[in-house]
Protein backbone atom coordinates (compact mmCIF):
# COMPACT_ATOMS: atom_id res chain seq x y z
CA UNK A 1 -3.34 48.73 -44.58
CA UNK A 2 -4.17 50.03 -41.03
CA UNK A 3 -5.17 46.52 -39.87
CA UNK A 4 -1.71 45.21 -40.72
CA UNK A 5 -0.24 47.73 -38.24
CA UNK A 6 -2.63 46.94 -35.39
CA UNK A 7 -1.58 47.24 -32.64
CA UNK A 8 1.92 47.63 -34.15
CA UNK A 9 4.04 46.40 -37.03
CA UNK A 10 5.03 43.24 -35.09
CA UNK A 11 1.50 41.78 -35.43
CA UNK A 12 2.81 39.25 -37.98
CA UNK A 13 4.82 37.67 -35.17
CA UNK A 14 1.68 36.78 -33.19
CA UNK A 15 1.04 33.39 -34.81
CA UNK A 16 4.60 32.05 -34.40
CA UNK A 17 4.67 33.39 -30.83
CA UNK A 18 1.51 31.47 -29.93
CA UNK A 19 2.82 28.22 -31.42
CA UNK A 20 6.14 28.54 -29.66
CA UNK A 21 4.50 29.61 -26.41
CA UNK A 22 2.10 26.66 -26.38
CA UNK A 23 4.92 24.23 -27.03
CA UNK A 24 7.06 25.63 -24.21
CA UNK A 25 4.20 25.82 -21.70
CA UNK A 26 3.19 22.19 -22.31
CA UNK A 27 6.70 20.75 -22.48
CA UNK A 28 8.11 22.58 -19.48
CA UNK A 29 5.03 22.80 -17.28
CA UNK A 30 5.16 26.59 -17.15
CA UNK A 31 2.64 28.06 -14.71
CA UNK A 32 3.44 31.80 -14.89
CA UNK A 33 3.86 33.97 -17.98
CA UNK A 34 5.18 37.53 -18.27
CA UNK A 35 4.75 39.64 -21.39
CA UNK A 36 6.35 43.05 -21.78
CA UNK A 37 5.66 45.77 -24.30
CA UNK A 38 5.96 47.65 -26.49
CA UNK A 39 5.56 46.02 -28.90
CA UNK A 40 2.03 45.52 -27.60
CA UNK A 41 1.56 42.48 -29.83
CA UNK A 42 3.35 40.70 -26.95
CA UNK A 43 0.37 41.35 -24.71
CA UNK A 44 -2.04 39.91 -27.29
CA UNK A 45 0.12 36.78 -27.26
CA UNK A 46 -0.08 36.70 -23.46
CA UNK A 47 -3.86 37.15 -23.54
CA UNK A 48 -4.39 34.26 -25.97
CA UNK A 49 -1.90 31.97 -24.21
CA UNK A 50 -3.67 32.53 -20.90
CA UNK A 51 -7.02 31.72 -22.44
CA UNK A 52 -5.64 28.54 -24.03
CA UNK A 53 -3.57 27.26 -21.08
CA UNK A 54 -4.86 29.06 -17.94
CA UNK A 55 -1.35 30.11 -16.87
CA UNK A 56 -1.06 33.02 -14.48
CA UNK A 57 -0.22 36.08 -16.53
CA UNK A 58 1.65 39.32 -15.77
CA UNK A 59 1.39 42.13 -18.36
CA UNK A 60 4.31 44.54 -18.02
CA UNK A 61 4.11 47.99 -19.62
CA UNK A 62 7.33 49.89 -20.33
CA UNK A 63 5.26 52.51 -22.16
CA UNK A 64 1.52 53.18 -21.74
CA UNK A 65 -0.73 51.41 -24.24
CA UNK A 66 -3.30 54.08 -24.94
CA UNK A 67 -4.68 55.76 -28.02
CA UNK A 68 -3.91 59.06 -26.31
CA UNK A 69 -0.19 58.26 -26.71
CA UNK A 70 -0.40 56.88 -30.24
CA UNK A 71 0.40 58.85 -33.38
CA UNK A 72 -2.43 59.08 -35.94
CA UNK A 73 -0.49 57.10 -38.56
CA UNK A 74 -2.33 54.15 -40.12
CA UNK A 75 -5.33 54.83 -37.84
CA UNK A 76 -9.04 55.28 -38.42
CA UNK A 77 -12.26 54.92 -36.45
CA UNK A 78 -12.47 51.17 -36.98
CA UNK A 79 -8.91 50.46 -35.84
CA UNK A 80 -9.28 52.78 -32.85
CA UNK A 81 -12.42 50.97 -31.71
CA UNK A 82 -10.79 47.56 -32.12
CA UNK A 83 -7.57 48.55 -30.39
CA UNK A 84 -9.47 50.16 -27.49
CA UNK A 85 -11.28 46.86 -26.97
CA UNK A 86 -7.99 44.95 -27.01
CA UNK A 87 -6.51 47.30 -24.43
CA UNK A 88 -9.48 46.86 -22.09
CA UNK A 89 -9.44 43.09 -22.50
CA UNK A 90 -5.70 42.79 -21.81
CA UNK A 91 -5.96 44.89 -18.65
CA UNK A 92 -9.03 43.02 -17.39
CA UNK A 93 -7.71 39.51 -17.99
CA UNK A 94 -4.12 39.96 -16.81
CA UNK A 95 -3.63 38.69 -13.27
CA UNK A 96 -1.23 41.57 -12.59
CA UNK A 97 -0.48 44.75 -14.53
CA UNK A 98 3.00 46.19 -14.02
CA UNK A 99 4.15 49.66 -15.08
CA UNK A 100 7.62 51.15 -14.93
CA UNK A 101 6.72 54.43 -13.20
CA UNK A 102 4.29 55.29 -10.39
CA UNK A 103 2.64 57.85 -12.69
CA UNK A 104 1.93 55.14 -15.29
CA UNK A 105 0.47 52.89 -12.59
CA UNK A 106 -1.78 55.69 -11.31
CA UNK A 107 -2.93 56.43 -14.86
CA UNK A 108 -3.79 52.75 -15.43
CA UNK A 109 -5.81 52.64 -12.21
CA UNK A 110 -7.73 55.76 -13.24
CA UNK A 111 -8.40 54.38 -16.72
CA UNK A 112 -9.84 51.18 -15.19
CA UNK A 113 -11.64 52.25 -11.98
CA UNK A 114 -13.78 49.10 -11.99
CA UNK A 115 -10.74 46.89 -11.33
CA UNK A 116 -9.23 46.43 -7.84
CA UNK A 117 -6.28 48.79 -7.23
CA UNK A 118 -4.08 45.86 -6.17
CA UNK A 119 -4.28 44.54 -9.74
CA UNK A 120 -1.77 47.28 -10.63
CA UNK A 121 1.79 47.66 -9.36
CA UNK A 122 5.00 49.52 -10.21
CA UNK A 123 8.26 47.79 -11.10
CA UNK A 124 10.79 50.26 -12.47
CA UNK A 125 13.55 49.68 -14.96
CA UNK A 126 17.09 49.82 -13.61
CA UNK A 127 20.75 49.04 -14.15
CA UNK A 128 22.74 45.83 -14.02
CA UNK A 129 25.81 46.13 -11.75
CA UNK A 130 27.30 42.95 -13.21
CA UNK A 131 27.06 44.39 -16.71
CA UNK A 132 28.68 47.67 -15.63
CA UNK A 133 31.44 45.98 -13.62
CA UNK A 134 32.51 43.96 -16.70
CA UNK A 135 33.31 47.11 -18.73
CA UNK A 136 36.85 48.47 -18.87
CA UNK A 137 36.59 52.27 -18.87
CA UNK A 138 38.73 55.31 -18.23
CA UNK A 139 37.68 58.39 -16.33
CA UNK A 140 37.25 61.33 -18.70
CA UNK A 141 39.79 64.12 -18.53
CA UNK A 142 38.79 67.16 -16.50
CA UNK A 143 38.33 69.28 -19.63
CA UNK A 144 36.40 69.60 -21.78
CA UNK A 145 33.22 68.48 -20.04
CA UNK A 146 31.82 65.63 -22.15
CA UNK A 147 28.03 65.74 -22.49
CA UNK A 148 26.47 62.75 -24.28
CA UNK A 149 23.07 61.74 -25.59
CA UNK A 150 22.36 58.09 -26.38
CA UNK A 151 19.42 56.68 -28.32
CA UNK A 152 16.97 58.14 -30.78
CA UNK A 153 15.31 61.53 -31.17
CA UNK A 154 11.76 60.22 -31.44
CA UNK A 155 8.20 60.90 -30.28
CA UNK A 156 8.63 64.66 -30.08
CA UNK A 157 12.13 64.60 -28.57
CA UNK A 158 14.53 67.15 -30.01
CA UNK A 159 17.87 68.60 -28.91
CA UNK A 160 16.93 72.05 -30.21
CA UNK A 161 16.29 73.71 -26.79
CA UNK A 162 19.60 72.34 -25.54
CA UNK A 163 21.54 73.45 -28.62
CA UNK A 164 19.91 76.88 -28.50
CA UNK A 165 20.98 77.25 -24.86
CA UNK A 166 24.57 76.34 -25.75
CA UNK A 167 24.60 78.89 -28.58
CA UNK A 168 23.27 81.65 -26.33
CA UNK A 169 25.82 80.86 -23.61
CA UNK A 170 28.59 81.05 -26.20
CA UNK A 171 27.25 84.27 -27.71
CA UNK A 172 27.05 85.84 -24.25
CA UNK A 173 30.58 84.61 -23.48
CA UNK A 174 29.36 82.82 -20.41
CA UNK A 175 30.70 79.59 -21.89
CA UNK A 176 33.87 79.06 -23.95
CA UNK A 177 33.97 76.55 -26.79
CA UNK A 178 36.85 74.61 -25.31
CA UNK A 179 34.87 73.96 -22.11
CA UNK A 180 32.35 71.54 -23.62
CA UNK A 181 32.18 68.60 -26.05
CA UNK A 182 28.74 67.30 -27.06
CA UNK A 183 28.25 63.81 -28.51
CA UNK A 184 24.97 62.50 -29.93
CA UNK A 185 25.13 58.71 -30.33
CA UNK A 186 22.51 56.50 -32.00
CA UNK A 187 19.71 57.24 -34.46
CA UNK A 188 20.39 60.95 -34.17
CA UNK A 189 20.38 62.24 -37.74
CA UNK A 190 16.88 63.75 -37.51
CA UNK A 191 14.39 65.00 -34.93
CA UNK A 192 10.79 65.97 -35.71
CA UNK A 193 11.68 65.70 -39.41
CA UNK A 194 14.58 68.14 -39.15
CA UNK A 195 18.21 67.38 -39.88
CA UNK A 196 20.33 67.57 -36.73
CA UNK A 197 23.46 68.30 -38.77
CA UNK A 198 21.69 71.29 -40.36
CA UNK A 199 20.49 72.42 -36.93
CA UNK A 200 24.03 72.26 -35.56
CA UNK A 201 25.46 74.15 -38.57
CA UNK A 202 22.80 76.85 -38.43
CA UNK A 203 23.83 77.59 -34.83
CA UNK A 204 27.56 77.48 -35.58
CA UNK A 205 28.19 74.59 -33.20
CA UNK A 206 30.10 72.23 -35.52
CA UNK A 207 33.25 72.45 -33.40
CA UNK A 208 31.39 71.33 -30.25
CA UNK A 209 28.79 68.83 -31.44
CA UNK A 210 29.52 65.50 -33.12
CA UNK A 211 27.04 62.90 -34.39
CA UNK A 212 27.84 59.20 -34.05
CA UNK A 213 26.05 56.13 -35.48
CA UNK A 214 24.47 53.47 -33.27
CA UNK A 215 26.90 51.37 -31.22
CA UNK A 216 26.60 48.12 -29.29
CA UNK A 217 25.06 48.03 -25.85
CA UNK A 218 28.45 47.48 -24.25
CA UNK A 219 30.03 50.36 -26.15
CA UNK A 220 27.13 52.65 -25.23
CA UNK A 221 27.64 51.83 -21.55
CA UNK A 222 31.40 52.42 -21.89
CA UNK A 223 30.76 55.82 -23.42
CA UNK A 224 28.27 56.59 -20.68
CA UNK A 225 30.87 55.80 -18.02
CA UNK A 226 33.38 57.98 -19.86
CA UNK A 227 31.03 60.99 -20.00
CA UNK A 228 30.60 63.73 -17.42
CA UNK A 229 26.97 64.53 -18.21
CA UNK A 230 24.21 62.53 -19.93
CA UNK A 231 21.29 64.34 -21.60
CA UNK A 232 17.84 62.79 -21.06
CA UNK A 233 14.84 64.16 -22.98
CA UNK A 234 11.19 63.54 -22.10
CA UNK A 235 9.46 66.68 -23.34
CA UNK A 236 6.03 65.26 -24.11
CA UNK A 237 6.14 62.05 -22.11
CA UNK A 238 6.14 63.11 -18.45
CA UNK A 239 4.99 59.73 -17.09
CA UNK A 240 7.70 57.73 -18.87
CA UNK A 241 11.42 57.25 -18.16
CA UNK A 242 13.94 56.47 -20.92
CA UNK A 243 16.18 53.50 -20.12
CA UNK A 244 19.27 55.68 -20.61
CA UNK A 245 18.47 57.41 -17.31
CA UNK A 246 19.14 54.21 -15.39
CA UNK A 247 22.38 53.62 -17.31
CA UNK A 248 23.45 57.12 -16.31
CA UNK A 249 22.55 56.47 -12.66
CA UNK A 250 24.62 53.31 -12.61
CA UNK A 251 27.52 55.12 -14.29
CA UNK A 252 27.52 57.87 -11.67
CA UNK A 253 27.34 60.69 -14.22
CA UNK A 254 25.43 63.93 -13.82
CA UNK A 255 22.07 63.87 -15.63
CA UNK A 256 20.64 66.88 -17.46
CA UNK A 257 16.94 66.27 -17.96
CA UNK A 258 15.19 68.61 -20.40
CA UNK A 259 11.55 67.69 -20.16
CA UNK A 260 8.26 68.36 -18.43
CA UNK A 261 9.17 68.01 -14.75
CA UNK A 262 7.71 64.50 -14.81
CA UNK A 263 8.86 61.03 -13.80
CA UNK A 264 12.52 61.62 -14.73
CA UNK A 265 12.65 64.78 -12.64
CA UNK A 266 11.14 62.87 -9.69
CA UNK A 267 13.95 60.29 -9.82
CA UNK A 268 16.60 63.01 -10.01
CA UNK A 269 15.11 64.83 -7.03
CA UNK A 270 15.03 61.61 -5.02
CA UNK A 271 18.58 60.50 -5.85
CA UNK A 272 20.29 63.87 -6.29
CA UNK A 273 21.75 62.58 -9.54
CA UNK A 274 21.18 65.60 -11.74
CA UNK A 275 19.30 68.69 -12.88
CA UNK A 276 15.78 68.79 -14.36
CA UNK A 277 14.57 71.77 -16.40
CA UNK A 278 11.47 72.50 -18.50
CA UNK A 279 11.99 72.33 -22.25
CA UNK A 280 9.77 75.37 -22.93
CA UNK A 281 11.71 77.71 -20.61
CA UNK A 282 14.86 78.84 -22.38
CA UNK A 283 16.35 80.55 -19.34
CA UNK A 284 15.79 77.44 -17.25
CA UNK A 285 17.56 75.30 -19.86
CA UNK A 286 20.57 77.66 -19.90
CA UNK A 287 20.79 77.59 -16.11
CA UNK A 288 20.51 73.81 -16.18
CA UNK A 289 23.50 73.52 -18.51
CA UNK A 290 25.56 75.78 -16.29
CA UNK A 291 24.48 73.95 -13.14
CA UNK A 292 25.63 70.65 -14.62
CA UNK A 293 28.99 72.14 -15.53
CA UNK A 294 29.39 73.45 -11.97
CA UNK A 295 28.54 70.03 -10.53
CA UNK A 296 31.13 68.32 -12.69
CA UNK A 297 33.85 70.81 -11.74
CA UNK A 298 33.16 70.84 -8.01
CA UNK A 299 32.06 67.28 -7.16
CA UNK A 300 34.59 64.73 -5.90
CA UNK A 301 36.18 62.37 -8.42
CA UNK A 302 33.82 59.60 -9.49
CA UNK A 303 34.15 56.31 -7.59
CA UNK A 304 35.62 53.24 -9.28
CA UNK A 305 32.28 51.45 -8.81
CA UNK A 306 29.65 54.21 -9.07
CA UNK A 307 26.84 51.64 -9.33
CA UNK A 308 27.29 50.89 -5.59
CA UNK A 309 26.09 54.38 -4.57
CA UNK A 310 23.52 53.83 -1.77
CA UNK A 311 21.20 56.48 -3.23
CA UNK A 312 20.44 54.43 -6.35
CA UNK A 313 20.16 50.89 -4.99
CA UNK A 314 16.40 50.76 -5.49
CA UNK A 315 17.18 50.53 -9.23
CA UNK A 316 19.68 47.65 -8.95
CA UNK A 317 18.47 44.77 -11.14
CA UNK A 318 19.06 42.24 -8.36
CA UNK A 319 16.71 44.11 -6.03
CA UNK A 320 14.15 44.61 -8.82
CA UNK A 321 14.29 40.92 -9.71
CA UNK A 322 13.55 40.07 -6.09
CA UNK A 323 10.47 42.27 -6.23
CA UNK A 324 9.32 40.59 -9.45
CA UNK A 325 9.76 37.18 -7.83
CA UNK A 326 7.60 38.39 -4.96
CA UNK A 327 4.82 39.39 -7.36
CA UNK A 328 4.98 36.00 -9.07
CA UNK A 329 4.84 34.20 -5.72
CA UNK A 330 1.80 36.28 -4.72
CA UNK A 331 -0.02 35.05 -7.83
């Protein structure tokens, strides 16, 4: 069974991807290939297509491919040895290795000190101003402050420190119930095997917190634009940045990052777009919630086109696409 999940459950797609890739490369005279993962099966397809066609190949990592970041499900010594070899081979044979954060790029360089440093480069994720401009949205009312989370509670991410901070602020009468509305949107029924609904009930927060099923990409962006604050969690993944951060930047909302003072916190410090607190420091989380509320109440009204803010233009897709084109030209 473990071999059927190596390197991930998309391994069954490898054969069809190779056939399709070979056909396109030969018919269209393709000279450059970019694979992005996860799923990391994509990089195996890139590796084999390069060997078969000699195209120039860019391997793009949105998350690090490392056994250190992989859960011990469907793993054993044999699969670990095989996957480690695949990782080394992909990194060595790619003409360029891209990562989405400087910390990931530095980690890749350290893991492969025998390769030239210029083999590795950073190309962040970002937001699409055209996509945002096409959405009809209304500014949220001044009260209550709408705080939203979008996505999935996975890989050790949990809203418990945030919910505990809200409960304590209510118990201490620092915060009134009518001041805040919390919306969790996506695959948000469980976190770390615990029911979020039960967690909310146990803290007496049913009147503040609502759970919503997954929505379309467009609807998620609309709800982001219509929020005051977006919650971003990265507790155990300090070198990674969830895509929802860039959506929040483009939407001009305040970001509350509960994490490990990692890559997300670095972006917030550089752009001034929000507050970063450590998930293991309860007092810091409480102060972070209050700081976000103060920012919402005291900042000027959000612009009609918040994605044009000069502080966040390095994450505009058009600029990022230009950088990618430069890397391809260099190859």
